[in-house]
Amino acid sequence: MSAPIGLLLVNLGTPDAPDAASTRRFLGQFLSDPRVVELPRLLWLPLLHGVILNTRPRRSARSYAKIWNRETGEGPLKKITRLQAEKLRQAAQAGELGAGEIVVDYGMRYGAPSLATALRGLVARGCERVVVLPLYPQYAASTTATAFDEIARVMRGLRRQPTLRFAPPYFDDAAYIEALAADLRAGLAALDFAPEVVLASFHGLPQLQIDRGDPYKAQCERTAELLRAAAGLDCEKLRVAFQSRFGRAQWTRPYTKETVIELAHSGVKRLALFAPGFAADCLETLEELGVEIRDDFLAAGGERFARLSCLNDGAAGMRLLATLARRELSGWA
């Protein structure tokens, strides 16, 4: 019998628990990654360990506590990624991803389950070939590239290495655009009001990273352009902004916070917001967009606000992941 083939889903990660200690460990690992914060280590690390990790974890832990799933003991990002892997595992068992045995698992770049644990687990199960599927539609060095770095680090410690196939970004993939358009139409149809503006909020990056050649912003804008065409919305109806700015440096503009305030001040009363760059709902979508940005819009004069869910493990999202998996497994499975 031929050896099984591994399919490894990759996402960013989440703390192990909604408390300050767990959040500090997670943020310490995340923010010490030179792909994430591209500042000289001699300047950044003392600031990180002397100030940020002594103040921010408590605030972040309180935010995580608001969205934590107490029944499963997971943050939403981990729970949804786990469900995505489980549903793809069922699809593989049903032969929907290709012939032969396909072993599906997931790993987080930061936190647990780690990429090292997931990849070594696939190797232990006899996988000689592994497809790595980062759940980042748009490429950024701080997401896609650092996942590649970590997997390469794990591979260096393996005597018998599997052959890897790394799935490319899918920002302009027809299956992705179709999934977003279908989910957007369904989300808007379920509202009890008609939004005047629909705002696509992507995670921001420091402008310095864009200036150094990161294609992330251009890919986000291309996604929005294709989505407008697929959903039948013009530039005034479907707008783009960037969230999660951290620190005083300039990040990708326009900022989501400033945009929703400006919309309200200009007379927009009804706003719907969604996050097409996130494969799963997380702190940045549930708390930052769903609470903080909502409050900013209403305080500035807005009257109706809706945050639409990410693709998650819904029907449209799972069709997309199955399509991407079949494509990357093609020729192996």
Protein backbone atom coordinates (compact mmCIF):
# COMPACT_ATOMS: atom_id res chain seq x y z
CA MET A 1 0.00 0.00 0.00
CA SER A 2 1.21 3.54 -0.74
CA ALA A 3 2.13 5.80 2.15
CA PRO A 4 -0.53 8.23 3.40
CA ILE A 5 -0.36 11.87 2.37
CA GLY A 6 -0.54 14.63 4.97
CA LEU A 7 -2.59 17.81 4.73
CA LEU A 8 -1.55 20.42 7.29
CA LEU A 9 -3.69 23.51 7.90
CA VAL A 10 -1.77 26.45 9.36
CA ASN A 11 -3.12 29.43 11.27
CA LEU A 12 -1.61 32.08 13.51
CA GLY A 13 -2.49 30.85 17.00
CA THR A 14 -4.06 31.84 20.29
CA PRO A 15 -3.20 31.72 24.01
CA ASP A 16 -3.78 28.46 25.86
CA ALA A 17 -6.12 30.18 28.33
CA PRO A 18 -7.69 33.64 28.79
CA ASP A 19 -5.36 34.63 31.61
CA ALA A 20 -2.40 36.99 31.85
CA ALA A 21 0.26 34.26 32.12
CA SER A 22 -0.93 32.38 29.01
CA THR A 23 -1.39 35.57 27.07
CA ARG A 24 2.10 36.73 28.04
CA ARG A 25 3.62 33.49 26.72
CA PHE A 26 1.69 33.80 23.48
CA LEU A 27 2.51 37.46 22.93
CA GLY A 28 6.13 36.87 23.86
CA GLN A 29 6.48 34.21 21.17
CA PHE A 30 4.51 36.22 18.62
CA LEU A 31 6.09 39.64 19.13
CA SER A 32 9.64 38.35 19.40
CA ASP A 33 9.43 36.94 15.86
CA PRO A 34 11.63 39.17 13.64
CA ARG A 35 9.20 38.56 10.77
CA VAL A 36 6.42 40.18 12.81
CA VAL A 37 8.31 43.13 14.25
CA GLU A 38 11.05 44.26 11.89
CA LEU A 39 12.95 46.48 14.30
CA PRO A 40 16.55 46.14 15.49
CA ARG A 41 16.62 43.50 18.22
CA LEU A 42 18.69 45.70 20.52
CA LEU A 43 15.91 48.30 20.47
CA TRP A 44 12.85 46.07 20.34
CA LEU A 45 13.54 43.24 22.77
CA PRO A 46 14.16 45.44 25.84
CA LEU A 47 10.95 47.33 25.07
CA LEU A 48 9.05 44.08 24.55
CA HIS A 49 10.23 42.39 27.75
CA GLY A 50 10.54 45.51 29.87
CA VAL A 51 7.27 47.26 29.03
CA ILE A 52 4.88 45.52 26.63
CA LEU A 53 4.86 42.05 28.21
CA ASN A 54 4.36 43.62 31.63
CA THR A 55 1.31 45.67 30.62
CA ARG A 56 -0.45 44.35 27.53
CA PRO A 57 -1.10 40.70 28.58
CA ARG A 58 -3.57 41.67 31.31
CA ARG A 59 -5.61 43.82 28.93
CA SER A 60 -5.50 41.21 26.18
CA ALA A 61 -6.48 38.45 28.61
CA ARG A 62 -9.62 40.38 29.58
CA SER A 63 -10.54 40.63 25.90
CA TYR A 64 -9.90 36.93 25.31
CA ALA A 65 -12.06 36.09 28.34
CA LYS A 66 -15.05 37.77 26.66
CA ILE A 67 -14.89 35.49 23.61
CA TRP A 68 -13.49 32.28 25.17
CA ASN A 69 -15.37 29.02 24.71
CA ARG A 70 -15.55 27.71 28.27
CA GLU A 71 -17.07 24.37 27.27
CA THR A 72 -14.20 23.31 25.03
CA GLY A 73 -11.48 25.40 26.71
CA GLU A 74 -10.52 27.03 23.42
CA GLY A 75 -10.32 30.45 21.87
CA PRO A 76 -12.49 30.85 18.76
CA LEU A 77 -9.56 30.75 16.34
CA LYS A 78 -8.37 27.40 17.64
CA LYS A 79 -11.88 25.95 17.82
CA ILE A 80 -12.78 26.97 14.28
CA THR A 81 -9.46 25.80 12.83
CA ARG A 82 -9.94 22.46 14.59
CA LEU A 83 -13.44 22.16 13.12
CA GLN A 84 -12.12 23.01 9.65
CA ALA A 85 -9.55 20.22 9.98
CA GLU A 86 -12.18 17.77 11.26
CA LYS A 87 -14.52 18.50 8.35
CA LEU A 88 -11.70 18.16 5.83
CA ARG A 89 -10.77 14.88 7.51
CA GLN A 90 -14.33 13.66 6.94
CA ALA A 91 -14.17 14.79 3.32
CA ALA A 92 -10.88 12.91 2.89
CA GLN A 93 -12.35 9.75 4.38
CA ALA A 94 -15.25 10.04 1.95
CA GLY A 95 -12.81 10.24 -0.96
CA GLU A 96 -13.72 13.84 -1.76
CA LEU A 97 -10.15 15.15 -1.69
CA GLY A 98 -8.58 12.41 -3.81
CA ALA A 99 -7.82 8.71 -3.82
CA GLY A 100 -5.67 7.06 -1.18
CA GLU A 101 -5.24 7.79 2.51
CA ILE A 102 -5.08 11.48 3.37
CA VAL A 103 -4.26 12.45 6.96
CA VAL A 104 -5.51 15.91 7.91
CA ASP A 105 -4.23 17.92 10.87
CA TYR A 106 -3.73 21.54 11.88
CA GLY A 107 -1.04 23.54 13.63
CA MET A 108 -0.52 27.05 14.94
CA ARG A 109 2.52 29.20 14.27
CA TYR A 110 2.37 30.46 17.87
CA GLY A 111 0.90 28.53 20.76
CA ALA A 112 -0.61 25.06 20.66
CA PRO A 113 -0.92 22.79 18.83
CA SER A 114 2.42 23.85 17.42
CA LEU A 115 3.52 23.34 13.84
CA ALA A 116 6.32 21.13 15.16
CA THR A 117 3.84 18.85 16.94
CA ALA A 118 1.54 18.67 13.92
CA LEU A 119 4.26 18.02 11.34
CA ARG A 120 6.03 15.41 13.47
CA GLY A 121 2.66 13.76 14.09
CA LEU A 122 2.06 13.43 10.35
CA VAL A 123 5.53 11.94 9.89
CA ALA A 124 4.90 9.50 12.75
CA ARG A 125 1.76 8.34 10.95
CA GLY A 126 3.83 7.45 7.90
CA CYS A 127 3.23 10.51 5.72
CA GLU A 128 6.07 10.78 3.22
CA ARG A 129 4.46 13.72 1.42
CA VAL A 130 2.76 16.67 3.13
CA VAL A 131 0.74 19.54 1.69
CA VAL A 132 1.02 22.66 3.85
CA LEU A 133 -2.02 24.92 3.49
CA PRO A 134 -1.59 28.30 5.25
CA LEU A 135 -5.01 29.82 5.94
CA TYR A 136 -3.85 33.27 4.82
CA PRO A 137 -5.47 34.34 1.53
CA GLN A 138 -3.09 37.27 1.12
CA TYR A 139 0.67 36.82 1.45
CA ALA A 140 2.56 38.62 4.18
CA ALA A 141 6.04 37.89 5.44
CA SER A 142 4.67 38.12 8.99
CA THR A 143 2.16 35.30 8.35
CA THR A 144 2.93 33.05 5.39
CA ALA A 145 6.71 33.44 5.41
CA THR A 146 7.13 32.90 9.14
CA ALA A 147 5.08 29.69 8.89
CA PHE A 148 7.48 28.51 6.19
CA ASP A 149 10.44 29.48 8.41
CA GLU A 150 9.08 27.46 11.32
CA ILE A 151 8.37 24.39 9.22
CA ALA A 152 11.87 24.61 7.75
CA ARG A 153 13.25 24.74 11.30
CA VAL A 154 11.31 21.60 12.21
CA MET A 155 12.47 19.86 9.04
CA ARG A 156 16.11 20.49 9.96
CA GLY A 157 15.62 18.27 13.01
CA LEU A 158 14.13 15.33 11.09
CA ARG A 159 16.36 12.48 9.97
CA ARG A 160 13.76 11.26 7.47
CA GLN A 161 12.10 14.28 5.95
CA PRO A 162 8.79 14.23 4.10
CA THR A 163 8.46 15.94 0.74
CA LEU A 164 6.60 19.22 1.19
CA ARG A 165 4.24 21.11 -1.07
CA PHE A 166 3.42 24.65 0.12
CA ALA A 167 0.10 26.01 -1.12
CA PRO A 168 0.32 29.54 -2.57
CA PRO A 169 -1.74 32.53 -1.43
CA TYR A 170 -5.27 32.45 -2.83
CA PHE A 171 -6.19 36.15 -2.76
CA ASP A 172 -7.42 36.14 -6.37
CA ASP A 173 -8.51 32.51 -6.61
CA ALA A 174 -11.95 32.13 -8.19
CA ALA A 175 -13.01 29.67 -5.47
CA TYR A 176 -12.09 32.17 -2.75
CA ILE A 177 -13.89 35.07 -4.42
CA GLU A 178 -16.94 32.89 -5.01
CA ALA A 179 -16.98 31.81 -1.35
CA LEU A 180 -16.67 35.40 -0.13
CA ALA A 181 -19.41 36.62 -2.47
CA ALA A 182 -21.79 33.83 -1.47
CA ASP A 183 -21.14 34.39 2.23
CA LEU A 184 -21.46 38.17 1.87
CA ARG A 185 -24.78 37.90 0.05
CA ALA A 186 -26.13 35.53 2.67
CA GLY A 187 -24.92 37.73 5.52
CA LEU A 188 -26.45 40.88 4.08
CA ALA A 189 -29.72 39.12 3.30
CA ALA A 190 -30.02 38.02 6.93
CA LEU A 191 -29.82 41.59 8.29
CA ASP A 192 -32.92 43.48 9.33
CA PHE A 193 -31.60 46.65 7.72
CA ALA A 194 -30.00 47.65 4.41
CA PRO A 195 -26.41 48.91 4.89
CA GLU A 196 -25.46 52.07 3.05
CA VAL A 197 -21.82 50.96 3.04
CA VAL A 198 -20.16 47.56 3.33
CA LEU A 199 -16.64 47.80 4.72
CA ALA A 200 -14.04 45.09 4.11
CA SER A 201 -11.55 45.30 6.98
CA PHE A 202 -8.22 43.56 6.45
CA HIS A 203 -5.54 43.18 9.11
CA GLY A 204 -3.01 45.98 8.76
CA LEU A 205 0.77 45.85 8.41
CA PRO A 206 3.42 48.42 9.25
CA GLN A 207 3.92 50.57 6.15
CA LEU A 208 7.65 49.86 6.40
CA GLN A 209 6.99 46.21 5.53
CA ILE A 210 5.00 47.25 2.46
CA ASP A 211 7.76 49.65 1.43
CA ARG A 212 10.27 46.80 1.66
CA GLY A 213 8.32 44.82 -0.93
CA ASP A 214 5.60 42.94 0.90
CA PRO A 215 2.74 42.45 -1.63
CA TYR A 216 0.08 42.20 1.07
CA LYS A 217 -1.76 45.50 0.54
CA ALA A 218 -1.90 45.09 -3.23
CA GLN A 219 -3.29 41.58 -2.80
CA CYS A 220 -5.96 42.82 -0.36
CA GLU A 221 -7.00 45.49 -2.84
CA ARG A 222 -7.12 42.91 -5.63
CA THR A 223 -9.36 40.70 -3.49
CA ALA A 224 -11.72 43.62 -2.92
CA GLU A 225 -11.74 44.49 -6.62
CA LEU A 226 -12.70 40.95 -7.61
CA LEU A 227 -15.26 40.71 -4.82
CA ARG A 228 -16.96 43.93 -5.94
CA ALA A 229 -17.39 42.44 -9.41
CA ALA A 230 -18.65 39.12 -8.07
CA ALA A 231 -21.08 40.69 -5.60
CA GLY A 232 -22.25 43.47 -7.91
CA LEU A 233 -21.06 46.29 -5.63
CA ASP A 234 -19.22 49.45 -6.67
CA CYS A 235 -16.32 51.23 -4.95
CA GLU A 236 -18.63 53.50 -2.97
CA LYS A 237 -20.69 50.59 -1.65
CA LEU A 238 -17.86 48.17 -0.82
CA ARG A 239 -14.88 49.96 0.70
CA VAL A 240 -11.56 48.75 2.10
CA ALA A 241 -9.78 49.59 5.36
CA PHE A 242 -7.07 48.09 7.56
CA GLN A 243 -7.33 47.31 11.27
CA SER A 244 -5.23 46.29 14.30
CA ARG A 245 -2.67 49.07 14.16
CA PHE A 246 -0.10 48.71 16.94
CA GLY A 247 2.33 51.38 18.10
CA ARG A 248 2.96 54.85 16.72
CA ALA A 249 4.44 53.95 13.33
CA GLN A 250 2.43 54.39 10.16
CA TRP A 251 0.52 51.29 9.08
CA THR A 252 -1.41 50.47 5.93
CA ARG A 253 -4.10 53.05 5.30
CA PRO A 254 -6.93 53.81 5.49
CA TYR A 255 -7.37 52.71 9.11
CA THR A 256 -10.63 50.95 9.95
CA LYS A 257 -11.21 53.01 13.08
CA GLU A 258 -10.79 56.32 11.27
CA THR A 259 -12.84 55.12 8.32
CA VAL A 260 -15.95 54.18 10.32
CA ILE A 261 -15.82 57.49 12.21
CA GLU A 262 -15.48 59.43 8.95
CA LEU A 263 -18.39 57.48 7.43
CA ALA A 264 -20.59 58.31 10.39
CA HIS A 265 -19.59 61.98 10.29
CA SER A 266 -20.40 62.07 6.56
CA GLY A 267 -23.96 60.94 7.26
CA VAL A 268 -23.75 57.15 6.87
CA LYS A 269 -26.16 55.67 9.42
CA ARG A 270 -26.14 51.99 8.48
CA LEU A 271 -22.90 50.03 8.15
CA ALA A 272 -22.01 46.37 7.66
CA LEU A 273 -18.44 45.24 8.21
CA PHE A 274 -16.66 41.99 7.44
CA ALA A 275 -13.08 40.66 7.46
CA PRO A 276 -12.32 38.75 4.23
CA GLY A 277 -8.65 38.21 5.07
CA PHE A 278 -9.40 36.05 8.13
CA ALA A 279 -10.17 32.37 7.57
CA ALA A 280 -11.63 32.13 11.09
CA ASP A 281 -13.14 34.53 13.58
CA CYS A 282 -10.77 35.56 16.34
CA LEU A 283 -10.04 38.35 18.80
CA GLU A 284 -9.47 40.84 15.99
CA THR A 285 -12.85 40.17 14.38
CA LEU A 286 -15.05 39.41 17.39
CA GLU A 287 -13.75 41.94 19.90
CA GLU A 288 -11.93 44.61 17.88
CA LEU A 289 -14.42 44.83 15.01
CA GLY A 290 -17.54 43.56 16.72
CA VAL A 291 -17.22 45.69 19.86
CA GLU A 292 -14.59 48.44 19.62
CA ILE A 293 -15.21 49.49 16.03
CA ARG A 294 -18.97 49.16 16.49
CA ASP A 295 -18.80 51.50 19.48
CA ASP A 296 -16.69 53.99 17.49
CA PHE A 297 -19.25 54.06 14.68
CA LEU A 298 -22.25 54.47 16.98
CA ALA A 299 -20.53 57.13 19.10
CA ALA A 300 -19.77 59.11 15.92
CA GLY A 301 -23.42 59.20 14.89
CA GLY A 302 -24.04 55.86 13.22
CA GLU A 303 -27.31 54.10 14.03
CA ARG A 304 -27.17 50.51 12.72
CA PHE A 305 -24.07 48.31 12.66
CA ALA A 306 -23.50 44.68 11.78
CA ARG A 307 -20.35 42.58 11.85
CA LEU A 308 -20.58 39.67 9.44
CA SER A 309 -18.84 36.40 10.34
CA CYS A 310 -15.76 35.10 8.58
CA LEU A 311 -16.00 32.06 6.32
CA ASN A 312 -15.12 29.84 9.29
CA ASP A 313 -16.28 26.23 8.93
CA GLY A 314 -19.51 27.18 7.17
CA ALA A 315 -20.60 25.67 3.87
CA ALA A 316 -18.96 28.30 1.65
CA GLY A 317 -15.74 28.24 3.65
CA MET A 318 -15.48 24.47 3.60
CA ARG A 319 -16.14 24.33 -0.16
CA LEU A 320 -13.23 26.70 -0.57
CA LEU A 321 -10.86 24.69 1.64
CA ALA A 322 -11.83 21.45 -0.06
CA THR A 323 -11.17 23.02 -3.47
CA LEU A 324 -7.76 24.29 -2.40
CA ALA A 325 -6.89 20.94 -0.81
CA ARG A 326 -7.89 18.93 -3.90
CA ARG A 327 -5.84 21.21 -6.12
CA GLU A 328 -2.69 20.94 -4.00
CA LEU A 329 -3.09 17.20 -3.46
CA SER A 330 -3.53 16.64 -7.20
CA GLY A 331 -0.90 14.30 -8.58
CA TRP A 332 -0.23 12.88 -5.13
CA ALA A 333 -3.66 11.70 -4.06
